[in-house]
């Protein structure tokens, strides 16, 4: 069994375990850490097949923004499952464990680069004479343009469905109406009142 195959099986086990942690974890912070580990391990798997652009894009876009996205969803859905006594220190062991696993994966990839070098025959981008990014763009917008457009359509429908599901009317909650805000007039909001003039009182003589 080659070193690449060992790394692939190891990354596959970590990815499946982290994905199950996202689904089965009852703590939102632990679920977010598991999701970060899932994305990072998938990026390491892409590095095995020399897809550096996809791996870096996954790390920068998803791993960099997943915490903000997760917190936004939690605040939007009003999920209150975290006890007030829990603080930063309670999540430190989970964060350290995720960081250690990421470090081990990076070191294993460095070892793979030293032990084995893949020639142009194993790299389709190098065999075609293009860089990894240029080859990916050519293949994506020529051979798989239909799948790319269908994926964009599915994502658009998913965004509209998410907004429609979360946009519900709640009692005793102040909401904004864009149509009323656009049709507002100054006379509806401002009223000028003319106060009567008062005569200046004379100062009493001592």
C-alpha atoms as a PDB file:
ATOM      1  CA  UNK A   1       0.000   0.000   0.000  1.00  0.00           C
ATOM      2  CA  UNK A   2       1.463   3.328  -1.068  1.00  0.00           C
ATOM      3  CA  UNK A   3       1.888   6.360   1.169  1.00  0.00           C
ATOM      4  CA  UNK A   4      -0.695   8.326  -0.847  1.00  0.00           C
ATOM      5  CA  UNK A   5      -3.296   5.609  -0.315  1.00  0.00           C
ATOM      6  CA  UNK A   6      -2.605   5.552   3.424  1.00  0.00           C
ATOM      7  CA  UNK A   7      -3.081   9.324   3.573  1.00  0.00           C
ATOM      8  CA  UNK A   8      -6.284   9.078   1.557  1.00  0.00           C
ATOM      9  CA  UNK A   9      -7.820   6.515   3.927  1.00  0.00           C
ATOM     10  CA  UNK A  10      -6.695   8.526   6.943  1.00  0.00           C
ATOM     11  CA  UNK A  11      -8.222  11.731   5.578  1.00  0.00           C
ATOM     12  CA  UNK A  12     -11.410   9.830   4.691  1.00  0.00           C
ATOM     13  CA  UNK A  13     -11.796   8.532   8.257  1.00  0.00           C
ATOM     14  CA  UNK A  14     -11.209  11.989   9.745  1.00  0.00           C
ATOM     15  CA  UNK A  15     -13.645  13.595   7.284  1.00  0.00           C
ATOM     16  CA  UNK A  16     -16.428  11.103   8.043  1.00  0.00           C
ATOM     17  CA  UNK A  17     -15.865  11.412  11.789  1.00  0.00           C
ATOM     18  CA  UNK A  18     -15.875  15.210  11.694  1.00  0.00           C
ATOM     19  CA  UNK A  19     -18.993  15.251   9.495  1.00  0.00           C
ATOM     20  CA  UNK A  20     -20.781  12.985  11.973  1.00  0.00           C
ATOM     21  CA  UNK A  21     -19.671  15.347  14.727  1.00  0.00           C
ATOM     22  CA  UNK A  22     -21.374  18.225  12.917  1.00  0.00           C
ATOM     23  CA  UNK A  23     -24.648  16.296  12.759  1.00  0.00           C
ATOM     24  CA  UNK A  24     -24.602  14.583  16.150  1.00  0.00           C
ATOM     25  CA  UNK A  25     -23.130  17.359  18.298  1.00  0.00           C
ATOM     26  CA  UNK A  26     -25.711  19.111  20.476  1.00  0.00           C
ATOM     27  CA  UNK A  27     -23.430  22.070  21.132  1.00  0.00           C
ATOM     28  CA  UNK A  28     -23.326  24.662  18.295  1.00  0.00           C
ATOM     29  CA  UNK A  29     -19.694  25.595  18.989  1.00  0.00           C
ATOM     30  CA  UNK A  30     -18.557  21.959  18.855  1.00  0.00           C
ATOM     31  CA  UNK A  31     -20.524  21.509  15.630  1.00  0.00           C
ATOM     32  CA  UNK A  32     -18.766  24.538  14.120  1.00  0.00           C
ATOM     33  CA  UNK A  33     -15.338  23.189  15.092  1.00  0.00           C
ATOM     34  CA  UNK A  34     -16.207  19.830  13.546  1.00  0.00           C
ATOM     35  CA  UNK A  35     -17.301  21.581  10.358  1.00  0.00           C
ATOM     36  CA  UNK A  36     -14.001  23.464  10.189  1.00  0.00           C
ATOM     37  CA  UNK A  37     -12.121  20.176  10.572  1.00  0.00           C
ATOM     38  CA  UNK A  38     -14.268  18.600   7.826  1.00  0.00           C
ATOM     39  CA  UNK A  39     -13.496  21.376   5.338  1.00  0.00           C
ATOM     40  CA  UNK A  40      -9.789  21.381   6.188  1.00  0.00           C
ATOM     41  CA  UNK A  41      -9.481  17.596   5.790  1.00  0.00           C
ATOM     42  CA  UNK A  42     -11.276  17.696   2.424  1.00  0.00           C
ATOM     43  CA  UNK A  43      -8.831  20.401   1.345  1.00  0.00           C
ATOM     44  CA  UNK A  44      -5.956  18.111   2.318  1.00  0.00           C
ATOM     45  CA  UNK A  45      -7.528  15.363   0.222  1.00  0.00           C
ATOM     46  CA  UNK A  46      -7.609  17.711  -2.768  1.00  0.00           C
ATOM     47  CA  UNK A  47      -3.929  18.467  -2.243  1.00  0.00           C
ATOM     48  CA  UNK A  48      -3.224  14.766  -2.763  1.00  0.00           C
ATOM     49  CA  UNK A  49      -4.533  15.010  -6.338  1.00  0.00           C
ATOM     50  CA  UNK A  50      -2.598  18.248  -6.962  1.00  0.00           C
ATOM     51  CA  UNK A  51      -5.694  20.484  -6.906  1.00  0.00           C
ATOM     52  CA  UNK A  52      -4.016  23.307  -5.026  1.00  0.00           C
ATOM     53  CA  UNK A  53      -6.412  26.016  -6.189  1.00  0.00           C
ATOM     54  CA  UNK A  54      -9.498  24.150  -4.961  1.00  0.00           C
ATOM     55  CA  UNK A  55      -7.833  23.325  -1.644  1.00  0.00           C
ATOM     56  CA  UNK A  56      -6.790  26.921  -0.960  1.00  0.00           C
ATOM     57  CA  UNK A  57     -10.180  28.253  -2.057  1.00  0.00           C
ATOM     58  CA  UNK A  58     -11.919  25.845   0.314  1.00  0.00           C
ATOM     59  CA  UNK A  59      -9.721  26.886   3.229  1.00  0.00           C
ATOM     60  CA  UNK A  60      -9.914  30.632   2.575  1.00  0.00           C
ATOM     61  CA  UNK A  61     -13.609  30.834   1.710  1.00  0.00           C
ATOM     62  CA  UNK A  62     -15.298  28.159   3.808  1.00  0.00           C
ATOM     63  CA  UNK A  63     -12.956  27.707   6.759  1.00  0.00           C
ATOM     64  CA  UNK A  64     -12.427  31.468   6.981  1.00  0.00           C
ATOM     65  CA  UNK A  65     -16.124  32.337   6.852  1.00  0.00           C
ATOM     66  CA  UNK A  66     -17.803  29.319   8.416  1.00  0.00           C
ATOM     67  CA  UNK A  67     -17.738  30.742  11.943  1.00  0.00           C
ATOM     68  CA  UNK A  68     -19.350  34.014  10.834  1.00  0.00           C
ATOM     69  CA  UNK A  69     -21.956  32.124   8.813  1.00  0.00           C
ATOM     70  CA  UNK A  70     -22.704  29.759  11.672  1.00  0.00           C
ATOM     71  CA  UNK A  71     -23.103  32.562  14.210  1.00  0.00           C
ATOM     72  CA  UNK A  72     -25.338  34.453  11.782  1.00  0.00           C
ATOM     73  CA  UNK A  73     -27.635  31.443  11.438  1.00  0.00           C
ATOM     74  CA  UNK A  74     -27.723  30.931  15.211  1.00  0.00           C
ATOM     75  CA  UNK A  75     -28.665  34.563  15.815  1.00  0.00           C
ATOM     76  CA  UNK A  76     -31.245  34.539  13.018  1.00  0.00           C
ATOM     77  CA  UNK A  77     -33.004  31.423  14.328  1.00  0.00           C
ATOM     78  CA  UNK A  78     -32.827  32.519  17.984  1.00  0.00           C
ATOM     79  CA  UNK A  79     -31.202  29.274  19.133  1.00  0.00           C
ATOM     80  CA  UNK A  80     -30.488  29.509  22.847  1.00  0.00           C
ATOM     81  CA  UNK A  81     -28.954  26.242  23.962  1.00  0.00           C
ATOM     82  CA  UNK A  82     -25.705  27.447  25.460  1.00  0.00           C
ATOM     83  CA  UNK A  83     -25.704  27.744  29.245  1.00  0.00           C
ATOM     84  CA  UNK A  84     -24.642  31.108  30.534  1.00  0.00           C
ATOM     85  CA  UNK A  85     -21.883  29.708  32.717  1.00  0.00           C
ATOM     86  CA  UNK A  86     -19.907  28.322  29.781  1.00  0.00           C
ATOM     87  CA  UNK A  87     -17.132  30.514  28.498  1.00  0.00           C
ATOM     88  CA  UNK A  88     -14.039  30.414  26.354  1.00  0.00           C
ATOM     89  CA  UNK A  89     -12.152  28.017  28.610  1.00  0.00           C
ATOM     90  CA  UNK A  90     -14.755  25.253  28.236  1.00  0.00           C
ATOM     91  CA  UNK A  91     -14.134  25.074  24.475  1.00  0.00           C
ATOM     92  CA  UNK A  92     -10.335  25.183  24.732  1.00  0.00           C
ATOM     93  CA  UNK A  93      -9.818  21.359  24.738  1.00  0.00           C
ATOM     94  CA  UNK A  94     -11.973  20.929  21.623  1.00  0.00           C
ATOM     95  CA  UNK A  95     -10.141  23.744  19.844  1.00  0.00           C
ATOM     96  CA  UNK A  96      -6.743  22.303  20.773  1.00  0.00           C
ATOM     97  CA  UNK A  97      -7.785  18.845  19.533  1.00  0.00           C
ATOM     98  CA  UNK A  98      -8.929  20.244  16.167  1.00  0.00           C
ATOM     99  CA  UNK A  99      -5.717  22.274  15.842  1.00  0.00           C
ATOM    100  CA  UNK A 100      -3.551  19.222  16.598  1.00  0.00           C
ATOM    101  CA  UNK A 101      -5.366  17.123  13.980  1.00  0.00           C
ATOM    102  CA  UNK A 102      -4.891  19.893  11.401  1.00  0.00           C
ATOM    103  CA  UNK A 103      -1.187  20.108  12.226  1.00  0.00           C
ATOM    104  CA  UNK A 104      -0.773  16.344  11.834  1.00  0.00           C
ATOM    105  CA  UNK A 105      -2.510  16.465   8.439  1.00  0.00           C
ATOM    106  CA  UNK A 106      -0.262  19.279   7.214  1.00  0.00           C
ATOM    107  CA  UNK A 107       2.873  17.467   8.389  1.00  0.00           C
ATOM    108  CA  UNK A 108       1.728  14.281   6.665  1.00  0.00           C
ATOM    109  CA  UNK A 109       1.288  16.180   3.410  1.00  0.00           C
ATOM    110  CA  UNK A 110       4.794  17.595   3.741  1.00  0.00           C
ATOM    111  CA  UNK A 111       6.098  14.067   4.168  1.00  0.00           C
ATOM    112  CA  UNK A 112       4.213  12.989   1.059  1.00  0.00           C
ATOM    113  CA  UNK A 113       5.895  15.751  -0.935  1.00  0.00           C
ATOM    114  CA  UNK A 114       9.342  14.614   0.184  1.00  0.00           C
ATOM    115  CA  UNK A 115       8.796  10.896  -0.339  1.00  0.00           C
ATOM    116  CA  UNK A 116       7.164  10.976  -3.757  1.00  0.00           C
ATOM    117  CA  UNK A 117       7.115  13.300  -6.730  1.00  0.00           C
ATOM    118  CA  UNK A 118       4.351  13.063  -9.296  1.00  0.00           C
ATOM    119  CA  UNK A 119       5.472  13.692 -12.846  1.00  0.00           C
ATOM    120  CA  UNK A 120       3.552  15.273 -15.741  1.00  0.00           C
ATOM    121  CA  UNK A 121       1.863  11.948 -16.498  1.00  0.00           C
ATOM    122  CA  UNK A 122       0.035  12.033 -13.155  1.00  0.00           C
ATOM    123  CA  UNK A 123      -0.886  15.709 -13.353  1.00  0.00           C
ATOM    124  CA  UNK A 124      -3.405  16.534 -16.135  1.00  0.00           C
ATOM    125  CA  UNK A 125      -2.734  20.269 -15.838  1.00  0.00           C
ATOM    126  CA  UNK A 126       1.001  19.826 -16.326  1.00  0.00           C
ATOM    127  CA  UNK A 127       0.404  17.351 -19.143  1.00  0.00           C
ATOM    128  CA  UNK A 128      -1.770  19.911 -20.971  1.00  0.00           C
ATOM    129  CA  UNK A 129       0.828  22.638 -20.451  1.00  0.00           C
ATOM    130  CA  UNK A 130      -1.375  24.824 -18.206  1.00  0.00           C
ATOM    131  CA  UNK A 131      -1.278  25.850 -14.597  1.00  0.00           C
ATOM    132  CA  UNK A 132      -3.711  24.230 -12.194  1.00  0.00           C
ATOM    133  CA  UNK A 133      -5.994  27.286 -12.119  1.00  0.00           C
ATOM    134  CA  UNK A 134      -6.046  27.766 -15.901  1.00  0.00           C
ATOM    135  CA  UNK A 135      -6.712  24.073 -16.536  1.00  0.00           C
ATOM    136  CA  UNK A 136      -9.542  24.053 -13.991  1.00  0.00           C
ATOM    137  CA  UNK A 137     -11.164  27.111 -15.588  1.00  0.00           C
ATOM    138  CA  UNK A 138     -10.973  25.627 -19.092  1.00  0.00           C
ATOM    139  CA  UNK A 139     -12.483  22.294 -18.014  1.00  0.00           C
ATOM    140  CA  UNK A 140     -15.150  23.893 -15.819  1.00  0.00           C
ATOM    141  CA  UNK A 141     -16.475  26.284 -18.469  1.00  0.00           C
ATOM    142  CA  UNK A 142     -16.208  23.900 -21.439  1.00  0.00           C
ATOM    143  CA  UNK A 143     -16.806  20.275 -20.473  1.00  0.00           C
ATOM    144  CA  UNK A 144     -18.845  20.868 -17.318  1.00  0.00           C
ATOM    145  CA  UNK A 145     -20.575  24.179 -18.074  1.00  0.00           C
ATOM    146  CA  UNK A 146     -24.056  22.616 -17.806  1.00  0.00           C
ATOM    147  CA  UNK A 147     -23.322  21.132 -14.389  1.00  0.00           C
ATOM    148  CA  UNK A 148     -21.873  24.485 -13.301  1.00  0.00           C
ATOM    149  CA  UNK A 149     -25.033  26.351 -14.325  1.00  0.00           C
ATOM    150  CA  UNK A 150     -27.293  23.757 -12.657  1.00  0.00           C
ATOM    151  CA  UNK A 151     -25.294  24.071  -9.434  1.00  0.00           C
ATOM    152  CA  UNK A 152     -25.641  27.861  -9.560  1.00  0.00           C
ATOM    153  CA  UNK A 153     -29.403  27.510 -10.064  1.00  0.00           C
ATOM    154  CA  UNK A 154     -29.694  25.102  -7.122  1.00  0.00           C
ATOM    155  CA  UNK A 155     -27.763  27.486  -4.873  1.00  0.00           C
ATOM    156  CA  UNK A 156     -30.000  30.392  -5.913  1.00  0.00           C
ATOM    157  CA  UNK A 157     -33.140  28.382  -5.133  1.00  0.00           C
ATOM    158  CA  UNK A 158     -31.637  27.346  -1.783  1.00  0.00           C
ATOM    159  CA  UNK A 159     -30.967  30.984  -0.839  1.00  0.00           C
ATOM    160  CA  UNK A 160     -34.527  32.011  -1.748  1.00  0.00           C
ATOM    161  CA  UNK A 161     -35.944  29.045   0.202  1.00  0.00           C
ATOM    162  CA  UNK A 162     -33.845  29.895   3.267  1.00  0.00           C
ATOM    163  CA  UNK A 163     -35.072  33.494   3.226  1.00  0.00           C
ATOM    164  CA  UNK A 164     -38.689  32.370   2.758  1.00  0.00           C
ATOM    165  CA  UNK A 165     -38.470  29.878   5.634  1.00  0.00           C
ATOM    166  CA  UNK A 166     -36.943  32.326   8.083  1.00  0.00           C
ATOM    167  CA  UNK A 167     -39.079  35.328   7.070  1.00  0.00           C
ATOM    168  CA  UNK A 168     -42.023  34.693   9.358  1.00  0.00           C
ATOM    169  CA  UNK A 169     -44.171  37.238  11.133  1.00  0.00           C
ATOM    170  CA  UNK A 170     -43.852  37.270  14.899  1.00  0.00           C
ATOM    171  CA  UNK A 171     -46.116  39.104  17.330  1.00  0.00           C
ATOM    172  CA  UNK A 172     -44.772  42.073  19.307  1.00  0.00           C
ATOM    173  CA  UNK A 173     -41.718  42.359  17.041  1.00  0.00           C
ATOM    174  CA  UNK A 174     -40.870  45.497  15.091  1.00  0.00           C
ATOM    175  CA  UNK A 175     -40.203  44.727  11.433  1.00  0.00           C
ATOM    176  CA  UNK A 176     -39.358  46.830   8.392  1.00  0.00           C
ATOM    177  CA  UNK A 177     -41.560  47.250   5.330  1.00  0.00           C
ATOM    178  CA  UNK A 178     -39.386  48.364   2.373  1.00  0.00           C
ATOM    179  CA  UNK A 179     -42.349  49.479   0.259  1.00  0.00           C
ATOM    180  CA  UNK A 180     -43.623  51.770   3.010  1.00  0.00           C
ATOM    181  CA  UNK A 181     -40.145  53.126   3.604  1.00  0.00           C
ATOM    182  CA  UNK A 182     -39.711  53.945  -0.087  1.00  0.00           C
ATOM    183  CA  UNK A 183     -43.133  55.700  -0.292  1.00  0.00           C
ATOM    184  CA  UNK A 184     -42.664  57.829   2.817  1.00  0.00           C
ATOM    185  CA  UNK A 185     -43.067  61.609   2.533  1.00  0.00           C
ATOM    186  CA  UNK A 186     -41.591  64.371   4.604  1.00  0.00           C
ATOM    187  CA  UNK A 187     -45.053  65.649   5.555  1.00  0.00           C
ATOM    188  CA  UNK A 188     -45.861  62.272   7.120  1.00  0.00           C
ATOM    189  CA  UNK A 189     -42.854  62.346   9.418  1.00  0.00           C
ATOM    190  CA  UNK A 190     -42.282  66.053  10.178  1.00  0.00           C
ATOM    191  CA  UNK A 191     -44.834  68.584  11.403  1.00  0.00           C
ATOM    192  CA  UNK A 192     -43.954  72.229  11.797  1.00  0.00           C
ATOM    193  CA  UNK A 193     -45.667  73.898  14.753  1.00  0.00           C
ATOM    194  CA  UNK A 194     -45.817  77.672  15.018  1.00  0.00           C
ATOM    195  CA  UNK A 195     -45.504  78.786  18.628  1.00  0.00           C
ATOM    196  CA  UNK A 196     -47.075  82.110  19.762  1.00  0.00           C
ATOM    197  CA  UNK A 197     -44.679  84.909  20.407  1.00  0.00           C
ATOM    198  CA  UNK A 198     -44.395  85.998  24.026  1.00  0.00           C
ATOM    199  CA  UNK A 199     -43.801  89.595  24.941  1.00  0.00           C
ATOM    200  CA  UNK A 200     -40.659  90.294  26.837  1.00  0.00           C
ATOM    201  CA  UNK A 201     -41.425  90.954  30.487  1.00  0.00           C
ATOM    202  CA  UNK A 202     -40.115  94.176  31.934  1.00  0.00           C
ATOM    203  CA  UNK A 203     -37.648  93.856  34.743  1.00  0.00           C
ATOM    204  CA  UNK A 204     -39.042  95.131  38.059  1.00  0.00           C
ATOM    205  CA  UNK A 205     -37.492  98.319  39.377  1.00  0.00           C
ATOM    206  CA  UNK A 206     -35.675  97.963  42.698  1.00  0.00           C
END
